[in-house]
Amino acid sequence: SEHWPKSAVYGVCALAGITASGYTGLLVAEMIRLGGTGRTAEAGAVAGAVMFVGTTVMPAIFALIVRLSGSYMLAYDLVALTALASGIMLFWSGRGGASPPA
């Protein structure tokens, strides 16, 4: 919002950057672990490539949705739905202790 003080905007941006940086390392480490000892280089490369393609392509897709719809609401709703779908898939994958409905 244009009513937020600049210090609050900078604080939120810093927090987002700090948490994103921590997540990157965790994801790459987990992908390498899952890849096994003989495929650490390939697993690390794939993890990095997929993450950075996402950070390159998704802002353009977001902007396209905003331009086509004329509003940020649809774009943010789609981001929220994507996060929700990811959470549901993780929950059903067994990490959340539940199974998908039969």
Protein backbone atom coordinates (compact mmCIF):
# COMPACT_ATOMS: atom_id res chain seq x y z
CA SER A 1 0.00 0.00 0.00
CA GLU A 2 1.20 3.51 -0.70
CA HIS A 3 0.26 4.33 2.89
CA TRP A 4 2.94 2.05 4.36
CA PRO A 5 6.09 3.76 5.60
CA LYS A 6 9.16 2.95 3.53
CA SER A 7 10.85 1.38 6.56
CA ALA A 8 8.02 -1.19 6.83
CA VAL A 9 8.28 -2.02 3.12
CA TYR A 10 12.06 -2.43 3.41
CA GLY A 11 11.61 -4.60 6.51
CA VAL A 12 9.15 -6.93 4.76
CA CYS A 13 11.46 -7.18 1.73
CA ALA A 14 14.44 -7.97 3.96
CA LEU A 15 12.48 -10.66 5.81
CA ALA A 16 11.35 -12.22 2.53
CA GLY A 17 14.93 -12.23 1.25
CA ILE A 18 16.32 -13.78 4.41
CA THR A 19 13.75 -16.56 4.48
CA ALA A 20 14.06 -17.27 0.75
CA SER A 21 17.84 -17.53 1.00
CA GLY A 22 17.57 -20.06 3.82
CA TYR A 23 15.04 -22.12 1.91
CA THR A 24 17.27 -22.31 -1.17
CA GLY A 25 20.05 -24.02 0.73
CA LEU A 26 17.67 -26.44 2.42
CA LEU A 27 16.05 -27.42 -0.86
CA VAL A 28 19.33 -28.03 -2.66
CA ALA A 29 20.65 -30.07 0.29
CA GLU A 30 17.50 -32.21 0.35
CA MET A 31 17.59 -32.78 -3.41
CA ILE A 32 21.22 -33.87 -3.17
CA ARG A 33 20.36 -36.22 -0.31
CA LEU A 34 17.51 -37.73 -2.29
CA GLY A 35 19.71 -38.05 -5.38
CA GLY A 36 22.09 -40.41 -3.58
CA THR A 37 25.86 -40.40 -3.36
CA GLY A 38 26.44 -41.17 -7.03
CA ARG A 39 24.27 -38.36 -8.34
CA THR A 40 24.97 -35.38 -6.11
CA ALA A 41 26.09 -33.10 -8.95
CA GLU A 42 23.05 -33.86 -11.11
CA ALA A 43 20.61 -33.47 -8.21
CA GLY A 44 22.12 -30.13 -7.17
CA ALA A 45 22.11 -28.85 -10.73
CA VAL A 46 18.48 -29.80 -11.31
CA ALA A 47 17.38 -28.25 -8.01
CA GLY A 48 19.15 -24.99 -8.82
CA ALA A 49 17.92 -24.88 -12.40
CA VAL A 50 14.28 -25.46 -11.48
CA MET A 51 14.37 -22.86 -8.71
CA PHE A 52 15.95 -20.17 -10.82
CA VAL A 53 13.76 -20.82 -13.84
CA GLY A 54 10.84 -20.28 -11.50
CA THR A 55 12.22 -16.99 -10.23
CA THR A 56 12.79 -15.86 -13.80
CA VAL A 57 9.54 -17.00 -15.43
CA MET A 58 6.95 -16.54 -12.68
CA PRO A 59 7.17 -12.72 -12.42
CA ALA A 60 6.49 -12.48 -16.16
CA ILE A 61 3.50 -14.84 -15.86
CA PHE A 62 2.22 -12.82 -12.89
CA ALA A 63 2.52 -9.60 -14.91
CA LEU A 64 0.73 -11.19 -17.85
CA ILE A 65 -2.16 -12.26 -15.62
CA VAL A 66 -2.39 -8.73 -14.20
CA ARG A 67 -2.35 -7.20 -17.67
CA LEU A 68 -4.97 -9.59 -19.08
CA SER A 69 -7.29 -9.40 -16.06
CA GLY A 70 -6.73 -5.72 -15.30
CA SER A 71 -6.34 -6.49 -11.61
CA TYR A 72 -3.81 -7.87 -9.18
CA MET A 73 -6.53 -9.84 -7.36
CA LEU A 74 -6.63 -12.76 -9.82
CA ALA A 75 -2.84 -13.03 -9.93
CA TYR A 76 -2.56 -13.09 -6.14
CA ASP A 77 -5.46 -15.54 -5.89
CA LEU A 78 -3.64 -17.89 -8.27
CA VAL A 79 -0.44 -17.59 -6.21
CA ALA A 80 -2.44 -18.45 -3.08
CA LEU A 81 -4.10 -21.42 -4.80
CA THR A 82 -0.71 -22.68 -5.94
CA ALA A 83 0.63 -22.47 -2.38
CA LEU A 84 -2.49 -24.21 -1.06
CA ALA A 85 -2.21 -27.00 -3.65
CA SER A 86 1.46 -27.46 -2.77
CA GLY A 87 0.62 -27.71 0.92
CA ILE A 88 -2.09 -30.27 0.26
CA MET A 89 0.26 -32.37 -1.88
CA LEU A 90 2.94 -32.27 0.83
CA PHE A 91 0.37 -33.21 3.46
CA TRP A 92 -0.85 -36.16 1.39
CA SER A 93 2.68 -37.26 0.50
CA GLY A 94 3.05 -38.70 3.98
CA ARG A 95 5.02 -35.88 5.56
CA GLY A 96 1.84 -34.59 7.17
CA GLY A 97 0.78 -37.97 8.51
CA ALA A 98 -2.31 -38.38 6.33
CA SER A 99 -3.16 -40.21 3.14
CA PRO A 100 -5.01 -38.83 0.12
CA PRO A 101 -8.68 -39.72 -0.05
CA ALA A 102 -9.40 -42.94 -1.92
